Amino acid sequence: MAKEEMGSMKSVSGNEIVKKLTRIGFVFVKQRGSHVKLKKFASESTRIVIVPLHKDLPQGTLHSISRQAGLTYKEFQELFEKN
């Protein structure tokens, strides 16, 4: 599916992403500079996500974070639609 078909998200900060990912089971591992490392243990695998703590993340970075988290981009977008 082309990126145009997926739609784009509103402006999202790294801190917002960290909060949303911790709500779905990711845990803080460490921080190095402006990047946070989160980890989620699944039954047979471990997911590691690196999130830059910048104010406005580009769409490409958001796509990369969703892939690292094992979510489709639509599932990732829905995290921000919920309160």
PDB file of N, CA and C in Angstrom:
ATOM      1  N   MET A   1       0.851  -1.186   0.000  1.00  0.00           N
ATOM      2  CA  MET A   1       0.000   0.000   0.000  1.00  0.00           C
ATOM      3  C   MET A   1       0.890   1.240   0.000  1.00  0.00           C
ATOM      4  N   ALA A   2       0.583   2.180  -0.835  1.00  0.00           N
ATOM      5  CA  ALA A   2       1.372   3.397  -0.937  1.00  0.00           C
ATOM      6  C   ALA A   2       1.145   4.287   0.278  1.00  0.00           C
ATOM      7  N   LYS A   3       2.138   5.088   0.599  1.00  0.00           N
ATOM      8  CA  LYS A   3       2.024   5.972   1.764  1.00  0.00           C
ATOM      9  C   LYS A   3       0.874   6.951   1.624  1.00  0.00           C
ATOM     10  N   GLU A   4       0.581   7.381   0.375  1.00  0.00           N
ATOM     11  CA  GLU A   4      -0.508   8.332   0.191  1.00  0.00           C
ATOM     12  C   GLU A   4      -1.843   7.729   0.614  1.00  0.00           C
ATOM     13  N   GLU A   5      -1.993   6.431   0.401  1.00  0.00           N
ATOM     14  CA  GLU A   5      -3.243   5.762   0.751  1.00  0.00           C
ATOM     15  C   GLU A   5      -3.414   5.615   2.255  1.00  0.00           C
ATOM     16  N   MET A   6      -2.306   5.608   2.978  1.00  0.00           N
ATOM     17  CA  MET A   6      -2.363   5.405   4.416  1.00  0.00           C
ATOM     18  C   MET A   6      -2.760   6.663   5.161  1.00  0.00           C
ATOM     19  N   GLY A   7      -2.655   7.802   4.526  1.00  0.00           N
ATOM     20  CA  GLY A   7      -2.973   9.047   5.216  1.00  0.00           C
ATOM     21  C   GLY A   7      -1.824   9.477   6.095  1.00  0.00           C
ATOM     22  N   SER A   8      -1.841  10.719   6.485  1.00  0.00           N
ATOM     23  CA  SER A   8      -0.774  11.205   7.344  1.00  0.00           C
ATOM     24  C   SER A   8      -1.354  11.581   8.701  1.00  0.00           C
ATOM     25  N   MET A   9      -0.497  11.521   9.675  1.00  0.00           N
ATOM     26  CA  MET A   9      -0.910  11.828  11.040  1.00  0.00           C
ATOM     27  C   MET A   9      -0.696  13.298  11.326  1.00  0.00           C
ATOM     28  N   LYS A  10      -1.376  13.749  12.363  1.00  0.00           N
ATOM     29  CA  LYS A  10      -1.127  15.097  12.855  1.00  0.00           C
ATOM     30  C   LYS A  10       0.270  15.128  13.451  1.00  0.00           C
ATOM     31  N   SER A  11       0.746  16.282  13.770  1.00  0.00           N
ATOM     32  CA  SER A  11       2.057  16.438  14.364  1.00  0.00           C
ATOM     33  C   SER A  11       2.115  15.701  15.711  1.00  0.00           C
ATOM     34  N   VAL A  12       3.123  14.868  15.886  1.00  0.00           N
ATOM     35  CA  VAL A  12       3.257  14.064  17.101  1.00  0.00           C
ATOM     36  C   VAL A  12       4.672  14.236  17.634  1.00  0.00           C
ATOM     37  N   SER A  13       4.792  14.361  18.949  1.00  0.00           N
ATOM     38  CA  SER A  13       6.116  14.484  19.571  1.00  0.00           C
ATOM     39  C   SER A  13       6.598  13.115  20.052  1.00  0.00           C
ATOM     40  N   GLY A  14       7.898  13.022  20.261  1.00  0.00           N
ATOM     41  CA  GLY A  14       8.472  11.792  20.773  1.00  0.00           C
ATOM     42  C   GLY A  14       7.924  11.421  22.139  1.00  0.00           C
ATOM     43  N   ASN A  15       7.696  12.423  22.996  1.00  0.00           N
ATOM     44  CA  ASN A  15       7.148  12.153  24.330  1.00  0.00           C
ATOM     45  C   ASN A  15       5.754  11.540  24.246  1.00  0.00           C
ATOM     46  N   GLU A  16       4.933  12.017  23.303  1.00  0.00           N
ATOM     47  CA  GLU A  16       3.595  11.453  23.133  1.00  0.00           C
ATOM     48  C   GLU A  16       3.677   9.984  22.713  1.00  0.00           C
ATOM     49  N   ILE A  17       4.607   9.684  21.828  1.00  0.00           N
ATOM     50  CA  ILE A  17       4.765   8.303  21.360  1.00  0.00           C
ATOM     51  C   ILE A  17       5.204   7.402  22.503  1.00  0.00           C
ATOM     52  N   VAL A  18       6.147   7.858  23.317  1.00  0.00           N
ATOM     53  CA  VAL A  18       6.606   7.058  24.458  1.00  0.00           C
ATOM     54  C   VAL A  18       5.430   6.754  25.385  1.00  0.00           C
ATOM     55  N   LYS A  19       4.592   7.750  25.676  1.00  0.00           N
ATOM     56  CA  LYS A  19       3.431   7.543  26.555  1.00  0.00           C
ATOM     57  C   LYS A  19       2.476   6.508  25.976  1.00  0.00           C
ATOM     58  N   LYS A  20       2.184   6.616  24.678  1.00  0.00           N
ATOM     59  CA  LYS A  20       1.245   5.688  24.041  1.00  0.00           C
ATOM     60  C   LYS A  20       1.806   4.271  23.991  1.00  0.00           C
ATOM     61  N   LEU A  21       3.081   4.135  23.678  1.00  0.00           N
ATOM     62  CA  LEU A  21       3.667   2.797  23.604  1.00  0.00           C
ATOM     63  C   LEU A  21       3.765   2.135  24.979  1.00  0.00           C
ATOM     64  N   THR A  22       4.012   2.920  26.024  1.00  0.00           N
ATOM     65  CA  THR A  22       4.056   2.315  27.364  1.00  0.00           C
ATOM     66  C   THR A  22       2.667   1.839  27.786  1.00  0.00           C
ATOM     67  N   ARG A  23       1.629   2.487  27.289  1.00  0.00           N
ATOM     68  CA  ARG A  23       0.263   2.045  27.598  1.00  0.00           C
ATOM     69  C   ARG A  23      -0.074   0.695  26.962  1.00  0.00           C
ATOM     70  N   ILE A  24       0.616   0.344  25.872  1.00  0.00           N
ATOM     71  CA  ILE A  24       0.328  -0.945  25.226  1.00  0.00           C
ATOM     72  C   ILE A  24       1.388  -1.999  25.546  1.00  0.00           C
ATOM     73  N   GLY A  25       2.184  -1.768  26.591  1.00  0.00           N
ATOM     74  CA  GLY A  25       3.067  -2.817  27.078  1.00  0.00           C
ATOM     75  C   GLY A  25       4.557  -2.624  26.887  1.00  0.00           C
ATOM     76  N   PHE A  26       4.981  -1.557  26.243  1.00  0.00           N
ATOM     77  CA  PHE A  26       6.411  -1.303  26.110  1.00  0.00           C
ATOM     78  C   PHE A  26       6.933  -0.727  27.418  1.00  0.00           C
ATOM     79  N   VAL A  27       8.182  -1.057  27.741  1.00  0.00           N
ATOM     80  CA  VAL A  27       8.799  -0.542  28.957  1.00  0.00           C
ATOM     81  C   VAL A  27      10.067   0.228  28.599  1.00  0.00           C
ATOM     82  N   PHE A  28      10.353   1.255  29.381  1.00  0.00           N
ATOM     83  CA  PHE A  28      11.549   2.071  29.196  1.00  0.00           C
ATOM     84  C   PHE A  28      12.778   1.229  29.508  1.00  0.00           C
ATOM     85  N   VAL A  29      13.761   1.241  28.615  1.00  0.00           N
ATOM     86  CA  VAL A  29      15.004   0.515  28.846  1.00  0.00           C
ATOM     87  C   VAL A  29      16.110   1.495  29.199  1.00  0.00           C
ATOM     88  N   LYS A  30      16.333   2.474  28.312  1.00  0.00           N
ATOM     89  CA  LYS A  30      17.367   3.469  28.585  1.00  0.00           C
ATOM     90  C   LYS A  30      17.178   4.669  27.663  1.00  0.00           C
ATOM     91  N   GLN A  31      17.910   5.704  27.967  1.00  0.00           N
ATOM     92  CA  GLN A  31      17.907   6.904  27.131  1.00  0.00           C
ATOM     93  C   GLN A  31      19.347   7.290  26.860  1.00  0.00           C
ATOM     94  N   ARG A  32      19.606   7.607  25.609  1.00  0.00           N
ATOM     95  CA  ARG A  32      20.940   8.088  25.233  1.00  0.00           C
ATOM     96  C   ARG A  32      20.742   9.367  24.444  1.00  0.00           C
ATOM     97  N   GLY A  33      21.093  10.468  25.045  1.00  0.00           N
ATOM     98  CA  GLY A  33      20.871  11.759  24.404  1.00  0.00           C
ATOM     99  C   GLY A  33      19.380  12.017  24.272  1.00  0.00           C
ATOM    100  N   SER A  34      18.945  12.288  23.048  1.00  0.00           N
ATOM    101  CA  SER A  34      17.528  12.591  22.831  1.00  0.00           C
ATOM    102  C   SER A  34      16.747  11.389  22.316  1.00  0.00           C
ATOM    103  N   HIS A  35      17.295  10.175  22.458  1.00  0.00           N
ATOM    104  CA  HIS A  35      16.616   8.980  21.980  1.00  0.00           C
ATOM    105  C   HIS A  35      16.323   8.027  23.136  1.00  0.00           C
ATOM    106  N   VAL A  36      15.083   7.539  23.151  1.00  0.00           N
ATOM    107  CA  VAL A  36      14.643   6.607  24.185  1.00  0.00           C
ATOM    108  C   VAL A  36      14.506   5.222  23.563  1.00  0.00           C
ATOM    109  N   LYS A  37      14.952   4.222  24.306  1.00  0.00           N
ATOM    110  CA  LYS A  37      14.833   2.835  23.877  1.00  0.00           C
ATOM    111  C   LYS A  37      13.744   2.168  24.702  1.00  0.00           C
ATOM    112  N   LEU A  38      12.742   1.617  24.012  1.00  0.00           N
ATOM    113  CA  LEU A  38      11.641   0.906  24.659  1.00  0.00           C
ATOM    114  C   LEU A  38      11.678  -0.549  24.225  1.00  0.00           C
ATOM    115  N   LYS A  39      11.189  -1.433  25.085  1.00  0.00           N
ATOM    116  CA  LYS A  39      11.203  -2.855  24.778  1.00  0.00           C
ATOM    117  C   LYS A  39       9.873  -3.471  25.180  1.00  0.00           C
ATOM    118  N   LYS A  40       9.420  -4.437  24.395  1.00  0.00           N
ATOM    119  CA  LYS A  40       8.210  -5.182  24.710  1.00  0.00           C
ATOM    120  C   LYS A  40       8.509  -6.661  24.530  1.00  0.00           C
ATOM    121  N   PHE A  41       8.245  -7.425  25.573  1.00  0.00           N
ATOM    122  CA  PHE A  41       8.483  -8.855  25.530  1.00  0.00           C
ATOM    123  C   PHE A  41       7.193  -9.548  25.096  1.00  0.00           C
ATOM    124  N   ALA A  42       7.259 -10.291  24.010  1.00  0.00           N
ATOM    125  CA  ALA A  42       6.115 -11.069  23.536  1.00  0.00           C
ATOM    126  C   ALA A  42       6.428 -12.538  23.805  1.00  0.00           C
ATOM    127  N   SER A  43       5.480 -13.413  23.495  1.00  0.00           N
ATOM    128  CA  SER A  43       5.640 -14.826  23.808  1.00  0.00           C
ATOM    129  C   SER A  43       6.886 -15.436  23.165  1.00  0.00           C
ATOM    130  N   GLU A  44       7.156 -15.120  21.898  1.00  0.00           N
ATOM    131  CA  GLU A  44       8.296 -15.725  21.227  1.00  0.00           C
ATOM    132  C   GLU A  44       9.330 -14.711  20.733  1.00  0.00           C
ATOM    133  N   SER A  45       9.059 -13.446  20.925  1.00  0.00           N
ATOM    134  CA  SER A  45       9.992 -12.441  20.419  1.00  0.00           C
ATOM    135  C   SER A  45      10.023 -11.226  21.331  1.00  0.00           C
ATOM    136  N   THR A  46      10.964 -10.365  21.048  1.00  0.00           N
ATOM    137  CA  THR A  46      11.107  -9.112  21.776  1.00  0.00           C
ATOM    138  C   THR A  46      11.118  -7.990  20.750  1.00  0.00           C
ATOM    139  N   ARG A  47      10.339  -6.957  21.001  1.00  0.00           N
ATOM    140  CA  ARG A  47      10.301  -5.783  20.130  1.00  0.00           C
ATOM    141  C   ARG A  47      11.083  -4.668  20.787  1.00  0.00           C
ATOM    142  N   ILE A  48      11.965  -4.025  20.024  1.00  0.00           N
ATOM    143  CA  ILE A  48      12.722  -2.879  20.511  1.00  0.00           C
ATOM    144  C   ILE A  48      12.389  -1.696  19.611  1.00  0.00           C
ATOM    145  N   VAL A  49      12.061  -0.571  20.239  1.00  0.00           N
ATOM    146  CA  VAL A  49      11.699   0.634  19.510  1.00  0.00           C
ATOM    147  C   VAL A  49      12.577   1.778  20.001  1.00  0.00           C
ATOM    148  N   ILE A  50      13.129   2.525  19.067  1.00  0.00           N
ATOM    149  CA  ILE A  50      13.910   3.713  19.384  1.00  0.00           C
ATOM    150  C   ILE A  50      13.065   4.930  19.010  1.00  0.00           C
ATOM    151  N   VAL A  51      12.833   5.820  19.976  1.00  0.00           N
ATOM    152  CA  VAL A  51      11.996   6.996  19.748  1.00  0.00           C
ATOM    153  C   VAL A  51      12.817   8.262  20.004  1.00  0.00           C
ATOM    154  N   PRO A  52      12.981   9.112  18.981  1.00  0.00           N
ATOM    155  CA  PRO A  52      13.651  10.394  19.201  1.00  0.00           C
ATOM    156  C   PRO A  52      12.711  11.350  19.933  1.00  0.00           C
ATOM    157  N   LEU A  53      13.199  12.026  20.939  1.00  0.00           N
ATOM    158  CA  LEU A  53      12.359  12.925  21.733  1.00  0.00           C
ATOM    159  C   LEU A  53      12.350  14.329  21.136  1.00  0.00           C
ATOM    160  N   HIS A  54      11.887  14.423  19.908  1.00  0.00           N
ATOM    161  CA  HIS A  54      11.792  15.707  19.234  1.00  0.00           C
ATOM    162  C   HIS A  54      10.339  16.169  19.251  1.00  0.00           C
ATOM    163  N   LYS A  55      10.123  17.475  19.029  1.00  0.00           N
ATOM    164  CA  LYS A  55       8.760  18.023  19.089  1.00  0.00           C
ATOM    165  C   LYS A  55       7.863  17.488  17.985  1.00  0.00           C
ATOM    166  N   ASP A  56       8.289  17.605  16.752  1.00  0.00           N
ATOM    167  CA  ASP A  56       7.490  17.174  15.608  1.00  0.00           C
ATOM    168  C   ASP A  56       8.279  16.149  14.813  1.00  0.00           C
ATOM    169  N   LEU A  57       7.788  14.911  14.802  1.00  0.00           N
ATOM    170  CA  LEU A  57       8.492  13.864  14.080  1.00  0.00           C
ATOM    171  C   LEU A  57       7.979  13.765  12.645  1.00  0.00           C
ATOM    172  N   PRO A  58       8.877  13.603  11.679  1.00  0.00           N
ATOM    173  CA  PRO A  58       8.463  13.463  10.282  1.00  0.00           C
ATOM    174  C   PRO A  58       7.662  12.179  10.062  1.00  0.00           C
ATOM    175  N   GLN A  59       6.851  12.151   9.004  1.00  0.00           N
ATOM    176  CA  GLN A  59       6.015  10.994   8.703  1.00  0.00           C
ATOM    177  C   GLN A  59       6.853   9.729   8.528  1.00  0.00           C
ATOM    178  N   GLY A  60       8.014   9.838   7.902  1.00  0.00           N
ATOM    179  CA  GLY A  60       8.873   8.671   7.707  1.00  0.00           C
ATOM    180  C   GLY A  60       9.329   8.071   9.026  1.00  0.00           C
ATOM    181  N   THR A  61       9.623   8.926   9.997  1.00  0.00           N
ATOM    182  CA  THR A  61      10.020   8.453  11.328  1.00  0.00           C
ATOM    183  C   THR A  61       8.852   7.757  12.015  1.00  0.00           C
ATOM    184  N   LEU A  62       7.644   8.294  11.850  1.00  0.00           N
ATOM    185  CA  LEU A  62       6.466   7.671  12.443  1.00  0.00           C
ATOM    186  C   LEU A  62       6.220   6.291  11.833  1.00  0.00           C
ATOM    187  N   HIS A  63       6.403   6.171  10.522  1.00  0.00           N
ATOM    188  CA  HIS A  63       6.259   4.866   9.860  1.00  0.00           C
ATOM    189  C   HIS A  63       7.291   3.881  10.401  1.00  0.00           C
ATOM    190  N   SER A  64       8.519   4.340  10.572  1.00  0.00           N
ATOM    191  CA  SER A  64       9.576   3.484  11.088  1.00  0.00           C
ATOM    192  C   SER A  64       9.267   3.007  12.509  1.00  0.00           C
ATOM    193  N   ILE A  65       8.792   3.899  13.354  1.00  0.00           N
ATOM    194  CA  ILE A  65       8.452   3.539  14.737  1.00  0.00           C
ATOM    195  C   ILE A  65       7.317   2.529  14.749  1.00  0.00           C
ATOM    196  N   SER A  66       6.311   2.711  13.890  1.00  0.00           N
ATOM    197  CA  SER A  66       5.191   1.753  13.849  1.00  0.00           C
ATOM    198  C   SER A  66       5.685   0.372  13.428  1.00  0.00           C
ATOM    199  N   ARG A  67       6.604   0.307  12.453  1.00  0.00           N
ATOM    200  CA  ARG A  67       7.154  -0.988  12.022  1.00  0.00           C
ATOM    201  C   ARG A  67       7.949  -1.631  13.153  1.00  0.00           C
ATOM    202  N   GLN A  68       8.772  -0.843  13.839  1.00  0.00           N
ATOM    203  CA  GLN A  68       9.564  -1.378  14.944  1.00  0.00           C
ATOM    204  C   GLN A  68       8.659  -1.941  16.036  1.00  0.00           C
ATOM    205  N   ALA A  69       7.520  -1.282  16.256  1.00  0.00           N
ATOM    206  CA  ALA A  69       6.597  -1.701  17.312  1.00  0.00           C
ATOM    207  C   ALA A  69       5.743  -2.892  16.889  1.00  0.00           C
ATOM    208  N   GLY A  70       5.806  -3.263  15.612  1.00  0.00           N
ATOM    209  CA  GLY A  70       5.016  -4.397  15.135  1.00  0.00           C
ATOM    210  C   GLY A  70       3.569  -4.032  14.879  1.00  0.00           C
ATOM    211  N   LEU A  71       3.302  -2.767  14.619  1.00  0.00           N
ATOM    212  CA  LEU A  71       1.949  -2.286  14.362  1.00  0.00           C
ATOM    213  C   LEU A  71       1.824  -1.846  12.918  1.00  0.00           C
ATOM    214  N   THR A  72       0.631  -2.000  12.359  1.00  0.00           N
ATOM    215  CA  THR A  72       0.403  -1.392  11.061  1.00  0.00           C
ATOM    216  C   THR A  72       0.328   0.115  11.295  1.00  0.00           C
ATOM    217  N   TYR A  73       0.491   0.875  10.233  1.00  0.00           N
ATOM    218  CA  TYR A  73       0.443   2.331  10.403  1.00  0.00           C
ATOM    219  C   TYR A  73      -0.944   2.769  10.865  1.00  0.00           C
ATOM    220  N   LYS A  74      -1.978   2.068  10.401  1.00  0.00           N
ATOM    221  CA  LYS A  74      -3.345   2.390  10.819  1.00  0.00           C
ATOM    222  C   LYS A  74      -3.521   2.127  12.321  1.00  0.00           C
ATOM    223  N   GLU A  75      -3.008   0.996  12.816  1.00  0.00           N
ATOM    224  CA  GLU A  75      -3.074   0.696  14.252  1.00  0.00           C
ATOM    225  C   GLU A  75      -2.316   1.749  15.053  1.00  0.00           C
ATOM    226  N   PHE A  76      -1.169   2.160  14.522  1.00  0.00           N
ATOM    227  CA  PHE A  76      -0.356   3.181  15.180  1.00  0.00           C
ATOM    228  C   PHE A  76      -1.122   4.504  15.259  1.00  0.00           C
ATOM    229  N   GLN A  77      -1.778   4.884  14.165  1.00  0.00           N
ATOM    230  CA  GLN A  77      -2.566   6.117  14.146  1.00  0.00           C
ATOM    231  C   GLN A  77      -3.706   6.052  15.154  1.00  0.00           C
ATOM    232  N   GLU A  78      -4.325   4.883  15.295  1.00  0.00           N
ATOM    233  CA  GLU A  78      -5.460   4.730  16.213  1.00  0.00           C
ATOM    234  C   GLU A  78      -5.042   4.915  17.664  1.00  0.00           C
ATOM    235  N   LEU A  79      -3.785   4.688  17.998  1.00  0.00           N
ATOM    236  CA  LEU A  79      -3.309   4.936  19.368  1.00  0.00           C
ATOM    237  C   LEU A  79      -3.500   6.400  19.747  1.00  0.00           C
ATOM    238  N   PHE A  80      -3.386   7.280  18.770  1.00  0.00           N
ATOM    239  CA  PHE A  80      -3.464   8.719  19.030  1.00  0.00           C
ATOM    240  C   PHE A  80      -4.874   9.252  18.913  1.00  0.00           C
ATOM    241  N   GLU A  81      -5.785   8.444  18.393  1.00  0.00           N
ATOM    242  CA  GLU A  81      -7.178   8.854  18.306  1.00  0.00           C
ATOM    243  C   GLU A  81      -7.905   8.569  19.616  1.00  0.00           C
ATOM    244  N   LYS A  82      -7.401   7.592  20.369  1.00  0.00           N
ATOM    245  CA  LYS A  82      -7.989   7.235  21.659  1.00  0.00           C
ATOM    246  C   LYS A  82      -7.456   8.187  22.721  1.00  0.00           C
ATOM    247  N   ASN A  83      -8.186   8.333  23.821  1.00  0.00           N
ATOM    248  CA  ASN A  83      -7.721   9.184  24.917  1.00  0.00           C
ATOM    249  C   ASN A  83      -7.011   8.393  25.956  1.00  0.00           C
TER     250      ASN A  83
END
